[in-house]
């Protein structure tokens, strides 16, 4: 009998369907009927080819079969299967279940893979942000004798990160320093450096900090947004501390603050580098995704992009800081008696934007510098110009009071009397403190 093409095709489909019903069960993994050795071999084969999900049922069956055994080979098979099951569960994203199995593994003997098991446990707690447990397990790992370099590096990284997150600043510096010196991974080195900088700032270990910052600024890590924000905060801390000390005692703090402020990169430079980095990482991620990289690697790369974007958003939310940094540097120059360097910075800030708060503060500081160096005529000329331009300026009363007092002390009463018109130019204020200042000006006039 002859079959047409359509009839032949239908017959093939029917045959394949029937075959699947007849043959299918023979290909299913009937682990219950398999011996332990074949089960172990089957699981091992799956693990070797990366089929972690497929290996899980086989490993679970091995554990069920061997959990009551007391012989050394039986216990070894049980423990090895526990370890491999925990590892497989981690690989398929079931970390919580994997940690339970690894805990069982660590509670019994033998533990030939104890180091790797501890690393998995620590990583699981790290993902859950359980920092005390991360530190505990990483510390346990560090206490083990004869650690290989990879284990030692990983344990220090885990311990350092955990202590950093717990804000135990002094405890995290040494392990993070070990990571910086020994890792070959640029991303890990950079993140460890940034954490170390923060820890050194918080613990006040300035001398160590300065050495680290110098080394960082020879690399692209200097463009890290978190680093630059940290340096600004550190500079402010030192500046404020110096202001509470005697002049000579606070000089070192001022100079150290100056060093940190000068390391802060311009805002637009940081934004440009971050955007370029995001574009590069996104293009690389798209390329690697197309090539079929694993989900975990995709997540890691996306997390890096997300981290940069979060830092970038923080930076953009901040008001422009360059002028504030310049102002602080000018103040430091004035405090350490490098007057003209400070004056140049104050003058540039005032000329840049006379109406901003920093511009107003800069005119005051520039006048103070001129008085400090004995340039009284220039100081007064600057005050009069400011009063004529901005009789309602923030520091109109302060500068006028400064000029009047200086001339009263010098006995230049005609000059004091001649400033009456400047007093009258100042608009009335409802602020109590400003009213007191204005009354003081009239008092000096009357005097």
Protein backbone atom coordinates (compact mmCIF):
# COMPACT_ATOMS: atom_id res chain seq x y z
CA UNK A 1 0.00 0.00 0.00
CA UNK A 2 1.35 3.37 -0.96
CA UNK A 3 1.40 6.31 1.51
CA UNK A 4 1.18 9.89 0.43
CA UNK A 5 3.51 12.42 2.08
CA UNK A 6 0.79 13.67 4.44
CA UNK A 7 -0.13 10.10 5.52
CA UNK A 8 3.51 9.19 6.02
CA UNK A 9 4.16 12.26 8.19
CA UNK A 10 1.12 11.51 10.36
CA UNK A 11 2.25 7.92 10.84
CA UNK A 12 5.67 9.08 12.02
CA UNK A 13 4.10 11.42 14.58
CA UNK A 14 1.85 8.65 15.91
CA UNK A 15 4.80 6.28 16.11
CA UNK A 16 6.90 8.79 18.06
CA UNK A 17 4.07 9.46 20.50
CA UNK A 18 3.58 5.75 21.12
CA UNK A 19 7.31 5.29 21.53
CA UNK A 20 7.45 8.03 24.11
CA UNK A 21 4.81 6.29 26.23
CA UNK A 22 6.50 2.93 25.93
CA UNK A 23 10.13 3.95 26.23
CA UNK A 24 9.87 7.12 28.35
CA UNK A 25 9.87 5.51 31.81
CA UNK A 26 12.98 3.54 30.96
CA UNK A 27 14.90 6.81 30.55
CA UNK A 28 13.63 8.39 33.79
CA UNK A 29 16.04 8.35 36.73
CA UNK A 30 14.66 5.75 39.12
CA UNK A 31 17.00 6.62 42.01
CA UNK A 32 15.12 4.44 44.50
CA UNK A 33 16.13 1.28 42.65
CA UNK A 34 19.77 2.29 42.08
CA UNK A 35 22.64 1.25 44.29
CA UNK A 36 24.60 3.86 46.25
CA UNK A 37 27.69 3.66 44.05
CA UNK A 38 25.75 4.25 40.79
CA UNK A 39 23.85 7.05 42.52
CA UNK A 40 27.08 8.76 43.56
CA UNK A 41 28.54 8.35 40.07
CA UNK A 42 25.38 9.77 38.51
CA UNK A 43 25.46 12.81 40.81
CA UNK A 44 29.18 13.34 40.19
CA UNK A 45 28.67 13.25 36.44
CA UNK A 46 25.91 15.86 36.66
CA UNK A 47 28.01 18.11 38.88
CA UNK A 48 30.96 17.89 36.48
CA UNK A 49 28.86 19.06 33.55
CA UNK A 50 27.24 21.82 35.61
CA UNK A 51 23.80 20.25 35.93
CA UNK A 52 23.38 21.24 39.57
CA UNK A 53 19.59 21.07 39.54
CA UNK A 54 19.72 17.55 38.13
CA UNK A 55 22.22 16.41 40.75
CA UNK A 56 20.09 17.51 43.71
CA UNK A 57 17.60 14.57 43.75
CA UNK A 58 20.43 12.04 43.41
CA UNK A 59 22.39 13.60 46.27
CA UNK A 60 19.28 13.74 48.45
CA UNK A 61 18.72 10.02 47.83
CA UNK A 62 22.33 9.23 48.79
CA UNK A 63 21.90 11.14 52.06
CA UNK A 64 18.67 9.29 52.88
CA UNK A 65 20.44 5.97 52.29
CA UNK A 66 23.60 6.75 54.27
CA UNK A 67 22.40 8.89 57.17
CA UNK A 68 22.11 5.90 59.52
CA UNK A 69 25.45 4.35 58.54
CA UNK A 70 28.22 4.32 61.15
CA UNK A 71 31.11 2.88 59.13
CA UNK A 72 33.90 5.20 58.04
CA UNK A 73 33.17 4.77 54.30
CA UNK A 74 29.46 5.34 54.93
CA UNK A 75 30.07 8.51 56.94
CA UNK A 76 32.47 9.78 54.30
CA UNK A 77 29.89 9.23 51.55
CA UNK A 78 27.22 10.95 53.64
CA UNK A 79 29.37 13.97 54.41
CA UNK A 80 30.62 14.34 50.86
CA UNK A 81 27.04 14.18 49.57
CA UNK A 82 25.96 16.81 52.09
CA UNK A 83 28.72 19.11 50.95
CA UNK A 84 27.94 18.60 47.27
CA UNK A 85 24.21 19.05 47.88
CA UNK A 86 24.79 22.30 49.75
CA UNK A 87 27.03 23.51 46.94
CA UNK A 88 24.45 22.55 44.29
CA UNK A 89 21.69 24.37 46.17
CA UNK A 90 23.85 27.50 46.32
CA UNK A 91 24.45 27.23 42.58
CA UNK A 92 20.73 27.11 41.75
CA UNK A 93 19.96 30.08 43.99
CA UNK A 94 18.51 28.21 46.97
CA UNK A 95 21.03 29.62 49.44
CA UNK A 96 18.84 29.23 52.53
CA UNK A 97 18.38 25.50 51.92
CA UNK A 98 22.03 25.17 51.00
CA UNK A 99 23.09 26.77 54.29
CA UNK A 100 20.98 24.30 56.27
CA UNK A 101 22.74 21.38 54.59
CA UNK A 102 26.17 22.95 55.06
CA UNK A 103 25.40 23.49 58.76
CA UNK A 104 24.67 19.77 59.05
CA UNK A 105 27.91 19.05 57.24
CA UNK A 106 29.94 21.28 59.57
CA UNK A 107 28.35 19.71 62.64
CA UNK A 108 29.68 16.23 61.88
CA UNK A 109 32.82 14.36 60.83
CA UNK A 110 34.66 13.95 58.54
CA UNK A 111 34.91 17.46 57.07
CA UNK A 112 37.41 17.22 54.24
CA UNK A 113 35.90 20.30 52.59
CA UNK A 114 35.54 22.37 55.75
CA UNK A 115 37.25 25.44 54.31
CA UNK A 116 35.02 25.60 51.28
CA UNK A 117 31.98 24.90 53.43
CA UNK A 118 32.85 27.79 55.74
CA UNK A 119 33.32 30.06 52.75
CA UNK A 120 29.89 29.12 51.43
CA UNK A 121 28.31 29.74 54.82
CA UNK A 122 30.00 33.11 55.13
CA UNK A 123 28.89 34.06 51.63
CA UNK A 124 25.33 33.05 52.45
CA UNK A 125 25.31 35.25 55.54
CA UNK A 126 26.95 38.01 53.51
CA UNK A 127 24.12 37.89 50.97
CA UNK A 128 21.66 38.11 53.87
CA UNK A 129 23.69 40.98 55.39
CA UNK A 130 24.08 39.09 58.67
CA UNK A 131 27.39 40.74 59.46
CA UNK A 132 27.96 39.26 62.91
CA UNK A 133 27.65 35.75 61.50
CA UNK A 134 29.89 36.59 58.55
CA UNK A 135 32.56 37.82 60.95
CA UNK A 136 32.18 34.76 63.17
CA UNK A 137 32.58 32.28 60.33
CA UNK A 138 35.35 34.24 58.61
CA UNK A 139 37.19 34.40 61.94
CA UNK A 140 36.80 30.65 62.31
CA UNK A 141 38.26 30.22 58.85
CA UNK A 142 41.19 32.51 59.63
CA UNK A 143 41.97 30.45 62.74
CA UNK A 144 42.43 27.30 60.68
CA UNK A 145 46.09 26.28 60.24
CA UNK A 146 47.74 25.97 56.85
CA UNK A 147 45.26 28.01 54.85
CA UNK A 148 45.99 28.28 51.16
CA UNK A 149 46.39 31.76 49.67
CA UNK A 150 42.94 31.75 48.10
CA UNK A 151 41.26 30.77 51.37
CA UNK A 152 43.28 33.33 53.30
CA UNK A 153 42.39 36.08 50.85
CA UNK A 154 38.70 35.20 50.87
CA UNK A 155 38.54 34.97 54.66
CA UNK A 156 40.21 38.36 55.11
CA UNK A 157 37.84 39.92 52.59
CA UNK A 158 34.78 38.48 54.32
CA UNK A 159 36.00 39.45 57.78
CA UNK A 160 37.01 42.95 56.70
CA UNK A 161 33.69 43.59 54.96
CA UNK A 162 31.72 42.36 57.96
CA UNK A 163 33.61 44.52 60.46
CA UNK A 164 33.30 47.51 58.13
CA UNK A 165 29.53 47.07 57.93
CA UNK A 166 29.42 46.80 61.71
CA UNK A 167 31.37 50.09 61.86
CA UNK A 168 34.13 48.41 63.84
CA UNK A 169 36.63 50.59 62.04
CA UNK A 170 39.89 49.52 63.64
CA UNK A 171 39.02 45.83 63.31
CA UNK A 172 38.47 46.01 59.56
CA UNK A 173 41.65 47.87 58.58
CA UNK A 174 44.12 44.98 58.82
CA UNK A 175 42.09 42.35 56.89
CA UNK A 176 41.14 44.85 54.18
CA UNK A 177 44.78 45.89 53.94
CA UNK A 178 45.72 42.26 53.37
CA UNK A 179 43.20 42.07 50.53
CA UNK A 180 44.54 45.26 48.91
CA UNK A 181 48.07 43.86 48.93
CA UNK A 182 47.27 40.35 47.75
CA UNK A 183 44.25 40.34 45.45
CA UNK A 184 44.71 40.28 41.69
CA UNK A 185 41.12 41.39 41.14
CA UNK A 186 41.04 45.10 40.39
CA UNK A 187 37.43 45.56 41.48
CA UNK A 188 38.01 43.88 44.83
CA UNK A 189 41.21 45.89 45.38
CA UNK A 190 39.43 49.17 44.67
CA UNK A 191 36.43 48.46 46.90
CA UNK A 192 38.76 47.33 49.70
CA UNK A 193 40.79 50.53 49.34
CA UNK A 194 37.67 52.68 49.57
CA UNK A 195 36.49 50.85 52.69
CA UNK A 196 39.94 51.22 54.24
CA UNK A 197 39.95 54.96 53.58
CA UNK A 198 36.62 55.33 55.35
CA UNK A 199 37.81 53.21 58.28
CA UNK A 200 41.03 55.23 58.62
CA UNK A 201 39.05 58.47 58.59
CA UNK A 202 36.58 57.24 61.20
CA UNK A 203 39.36 55.93 63.44
CA UNK A 204 41.50 59.04 62.98
CA UNK A 205 44.56 57.21 61.63
CA UNK A 206 45.61 60.14 59.47
CA UNK A 207 49.23 59.23 58.76
CA UNK A 208 48.24 55.82 57.41
CA UNK A 209 45.42 57.44 55.44
CA UNK A 210 47.70 59.89 53.65
CA UNK A 211 49.97 57.11 52.42
CA UNK A 212 47.02 55.11 51.13
CA UNK A 213 45.44 58.12 49.41
CA UNK A 214 48.69 58.83 47.57
CA UNK A 215 48.77 55.28 46.21
CA UNK A 216 45.09 55.39 45.24
CA UNK A 217 45.57 58.58 43.25
CA UNK A 218 47.96 56.79 40.93
CA UNK A 219 45.03 54.65 39.74
CA UNK A 220 41.51 55.11 38.37
CA UNK A 221 40.21 54.49 41.88
CA UNK A 222 40.64 58.24 42.40
CA UNK A 223 37.45 58.71 40.37
CA UNK A 224 35.38 56.74 42.87
CA UNK A 225 32.53 58.99 44.01
CA UNK A 226 32.33 57.52 47.51
CA UNK A 227 36.06 58.08 47.95
CA UNK A 228 35.82 61.76 47.02
CA UNK A 229 32.87 62.35 49.33
CA UNK A 230 34.76 60.60 52.13
CA UNK A 231 37.81 62.81 51.57
CA UNK A 232 35.66 65.94 51.75
CA UNK A 233 34.18 64.80 55.05
CA UNK A 234 37.62 63.90 56.36
CA UNK A 235 38.97 67.31 55.38
CA UNK A 236 36.09 69.01 57.19
CA UNK A 237 36.70 66.90 60.30
CA UNK A 238 40.36 67.87 60.42
CA UNK A 239 39.56 71.52 59.72
CA UNK A 240 37.02 71.65 62.54
CA UNK A 241 39.40 69.86 64.93
CA UNK A 242 42.15 72.34 64.11
CA UNK A 243 39.85 75.26 64.91
CA UNK A 244 39.42 73.96 68.45
CA UNK A 245 43.17 73.89 69.12
CA UNK A 246 45.80 76.51 69.76
CA UNK A 247 47.28 78.02 66.60
CA UNK A 248 50.54 76.09 66.57
CA UNK A 249 48.96 72.84 67.72
CA UNK A 250 46.26 73.00 65.07
CA UNK A 251 48.63 73.79 62.21
CA UNK A 252 49.26 70.14 61.33
CA UNK A 253 45.53 69.45 61.21
CA UNK A 254 45.03 72.37 58.86
CA UNK A 255 47.79 71.15 56.55
CA UNK A 256 46.43 67.61 56.62
CA UNK A 257 42.97 68.93 55.78
CA UNK A 258 44.54 70.89 52.93
CA UNK A 259 46.08 67.69 51.57
CA UNK A 260 42.73 65.91 51.59
CA UNK A 261 40.78 68.80 50.08
CA UNK A 262 43.26 69.09 47.23
CA UNK A 263 42.72 65.42 46.41
CA UNK A 264 38.99 65.95 45.78
CA UNK A 265 38.28 65.88 42.05
CA UNK A 266 35.83 68.25 40.34
CA UNK A 267 32.22 67.14 40.27
CA UNK A 268 31.89 67.11 36.46
CA UNK A 269 35.05 65.03 36.15
CA UNK A 270 33.60 62.40 38.47
CA UNK A 271 30.25 62.41 36.67
CA UNK A 272 31.95 62.07 33.29
CA UNK A 273 34.07 59.13 34.41
CA UNK A 274 31.07 57.40 36.04
CA UNK A 275 28.93 57.77 32.91
CA UNK A 276 31.74 56.44 30.75
CA UNK A 277 32.16 53.49 33.10
CA UNK A 278 28.43 52.72 33.06
CA UNK A 279 28.35 52.82 29.26
CA UNK A 280 31.33 50.50 29.01
CA UNK A 281 29.96 48.01 31.52
CA UNK A 282 26.50 48.05 29.91
CA UNK A 283 27.95 47.37 26.47
CA UNK A 284 30.09 44.56 27.85
CA UNK A 285 27.11 43.08 29.70
CA UNK A 286 24.97 43.11 26.55
CA UNK A 287 27.75 41.43 24.60
CA UNK A 288 28.35 38.76 27.24
CA UNK A 289 24.62 38.13 27.68
CA UNK A 290 24.32 37.52 23.96
CA UNK A 291 27.22 35.09 24.24
CA UNK A 292 25.30 33.14 26.89
CA UNK A 293 26.99 33.91 30.21
CA UNK A 294 25.41 32.46 33.34
CA UNK A 295 22.76 34.23 35.39
CA UNK A 296 25.03 34.74 38.40
CA UNK A 297 27.61 36.54 36.29
CA UNK A 298 24.90 38.73 34.78
CA UNK A 299 23.70 39.61 38.29
CA UNK A 300 27.23 40.51 39.41
CA UNK A 301 27.84 42.78 36.44
CA UNK A 302 24.44 44.41 36.78
CA UNK A 303 25.09 44.95 40.49
CA UNK A 304 28.30 46.80 39.62
CA UNK A 305 26.40 49.06 37.23
CA UNK A 306 23.67 49.64 39.82
CA UNK A 307 26.29 50.55 42.43
CA UNK A 308 27.87 53.19 40.19
CA UNK A 309 24.45 54.60 39.29
CA UNK A 310 23.52 54.85 42.98
CA UNK A 311 26.76 56.73 43.76
CA UNK A 312 26.16 58.97 40.77
CA UNK A 313 22.66 59.81 42.01
CA UNK A 314 24.09 60.70 45.43
CA UNK A 315 26.66 62.98 43.83
CA UNK A 316 24.06 64.72 41.67
CA UNK A 317 21.87 65.30 44.73
CA UNK A 318 24.71 67.16 46.43
CA UNK A 319 25.01 70.89 45.81
CA UNK A 320 28.09 71.81 43.76
CA UNK A 321 30.99 71.38 46.14
CA UNK A 322 33.97 72.77 44.21
CA UNK A 323 33.47 76.31 45.53
CA UNK A 324 33.11 75.07 49.08
CA UNK A 325 36.33 73.08 48.77
CA UNK A 326 38.10 76.14 47.32
CA UNK A 327 36.76 78.27 50.17
CA UNK A 328 38.01 75.77 52.75
CA UNK A 329 41.43 75.70 51.13
CA UNK A 330 41.52 79.49 51.26
CA UNK A 331 40.65 79.41 54.96
CA UNK A 332 43.42 76.89 55.59
CA UNK A 333 45.95 79.08 53.78
CA UNK A 334 44.90 82.02 55.94
CA UNK A 335 45.13 79.97 59.14
CA UNK A 336 48.66 78.75 58.37
CA UNK A 337 49.68 82.30 57.41
CA UNK A 338 49.94 81.68 53.68
CA UNK A 339 47.84 84.80 53.34
CA UNK A 340 48.21 85.74 49.71
CA UNK A 341 47.42 82.24 48.49
CA UNK A 342 44.24 82.40 50.52
CA UNK A 343 43.44 85.90 49.27
CA UNK A 344 43.69 84.83 45.63
CA UNK A 345 41.18 82.02 46.23
CA UNK A 346 38.74 84.25 48.13
CA UNK A 347 38.96 86.93 45.48
CA UNK A 348 38.31 84.42 42.69
CA UNK A 349 35.24 83.07 44.51
CA UNK A 350 33.82 86.54 45.02
CA UNK A 351 34.38 87.54 41.41
CA UNK A 352 32.88 84.26 40.22
CA UNK A 353 29.54 84.78 41.97
CA UNK A 354 29.09 87.82 44.19
CA UNK A 355 25.53 86.91 45.09
CA UNK A 356 26.09 83.39 46.38
CA UNK A 357 26.58 82.59 50.06
CA UNK A 358 30.15 81.50 49.38
CA UNK A 359 30.81 84.62 47.32
CA UNK A 360 29.58 86.78 50.20
CA UNK A 361 31.66 84.83 52.72
CA UNK A 362 34.69 85.14 50.43
CA UNK A 363 34.58 88.96 50.45
CA UNK A 364 34.61 88.90 54.25
CA UNK A 365 37.55 86.50 54.35
CA UNK A 366 39.50 88.50 51.78
CA UNK A 367 39.11 91.67 53.87
CA UNK A 368 40.28 89.82 56.99
CA UNK A 369 43.37 88.66 55.10
CA UNK A 370 44.14 92.22 53.98
CA UNK A 371 43.89 93.45 57.56
CA UNK A 372 46.12 90.57 58.72
CA UNK A 373 48.89 91.52 56.28
CA UNK A 374 48.63 95.22 57.09
CA UNK A 375 46.99 96.22 53.81
CA UNK A 376 44.50 98.48 55.59
CA UNK A 377 43.90 100.86 52.69
CA UNK A 378 43.13 97.97 50.32
CA UNK A 379 40.86 96.40 52.92
CA UNK A 380 38.89 99.63 53.35
CA UNK A 381 38.71 100.19 49.62
CA UNK A 382 37.26 96.70 49.25
CA UNK A 383 34.74 97.31 52.04
CA UNK A 384 33.51 100.59 50.54
CA UNK A 385 33.14 99.03 47.10
CA UNK A 386 31.15 96.17 48.61
CA UNK A 387 28.90 98.55 50.58
CA UNK A 388 28.24 100.66 47.49
CA UNK A 389 27.42 97.60 45.39
CA UNK A 390 25.48 95.66 48.03
CA UNK A 391 24.22 97.79 50.91
CA UNK A 392 21.89 94.91 51.73
CA UNK A 393 24.66 92.29 51.57
CA UNK A 394 24.95 89.58 54.21
CA UNK A 395 28.12 91.08 55.65
CA UNK A 396 27.42 94.80 55.14
CA UNK A 397 27.03 95.45 58.89
CA UNK A 398 29.98 93.20 59.79
CA UNK A 399 32.39 94.83 57.35
CA UNK A 400 31.26 98.35 58.21
CA UNK A 401 31.66 97.61 61.92
CA UNK A 402 35.14 96.22 61.26
CA UNK A 403 36.20 99.35 59.39
CA UNK A 404 34.73 101.73 61.97
CA UNK A 405 36.35 99.95 64.93
CA UNK A 406 39.72 99.87 63.21
CA UNK A 407 39.57 103.61 62.56
CA UNK A 408 38.34 104.41 66.06
CA UNK A 409 41.33 102.54 67.48
CA UNK A 410 43.64 104.37 65.08
CA UNK A 411 42.04 107.71 66.02
CA UNK A 412 40.77 108.38 62.51
CA UNK A 413 37.53 109.97 63.72
CA UNK A 414 36.86 111.82 60.47
CA UNK A 415 36.80 108.52 58.62
CA UNK A 416 34.35 107.11 61.13
CA UNK A 417 32.08 110.14 60.77
CA UNK A 418 32.27 109.90 57.00
CA UNK A 419 30.74 106.42 57.07
CA UNK A 420 27.35 107.73 58.22
CA UNK A 421 25.99 107.64 54.68
CA UNK A 422 26.95 103.98 54.42
CA UNK A 423 25.06 103.20 57.60
CA UNK A 424 21.95 104.90 56.23
CA UNK A 425 22.21 102.90 53.00
CA UNK A 426 21.72 99.65 54.91
CA UNK A 427 18.04 98.66 54.71
CA UNK A 428 16.08 98.20 57.93
CA UNK A 429 15.83 94.67 59.26
CA UNK A 430 13.42 92.85 61.55
CA UNK A 431 16.15 90.44 62.63
CA UNK A 432 17.08 91.11 66.27
CA UNK A 433 20.79 90.40 65.80
CA UNK A 434 21.01 92.67 62.77
CA UNK A 435 19.20 95.40 64.70
CA UNK A 436 21.80 95.07 67.48
CA UNK A 437 24.62 95.33 64.94
CA UNK A 438 23.07 98.42 63.42
CA UNK A 439 22.64 100.02 66.85
CA UNK A 440 26.31 99.31 67.49
CA UNK A 441 27.21 101.16 64.29
CA UNK A 442 25.26 104.24 65.38
CA UNK A 443 26.86 104.04 68.81
CA UNK A 444 30.32 104.17 67.25
CA UNK A 445 29.17 107.13 65.16
CA UNK A 446 28.00 108.95 68.27
CA UNK A 447 31.22 108.11 70.08
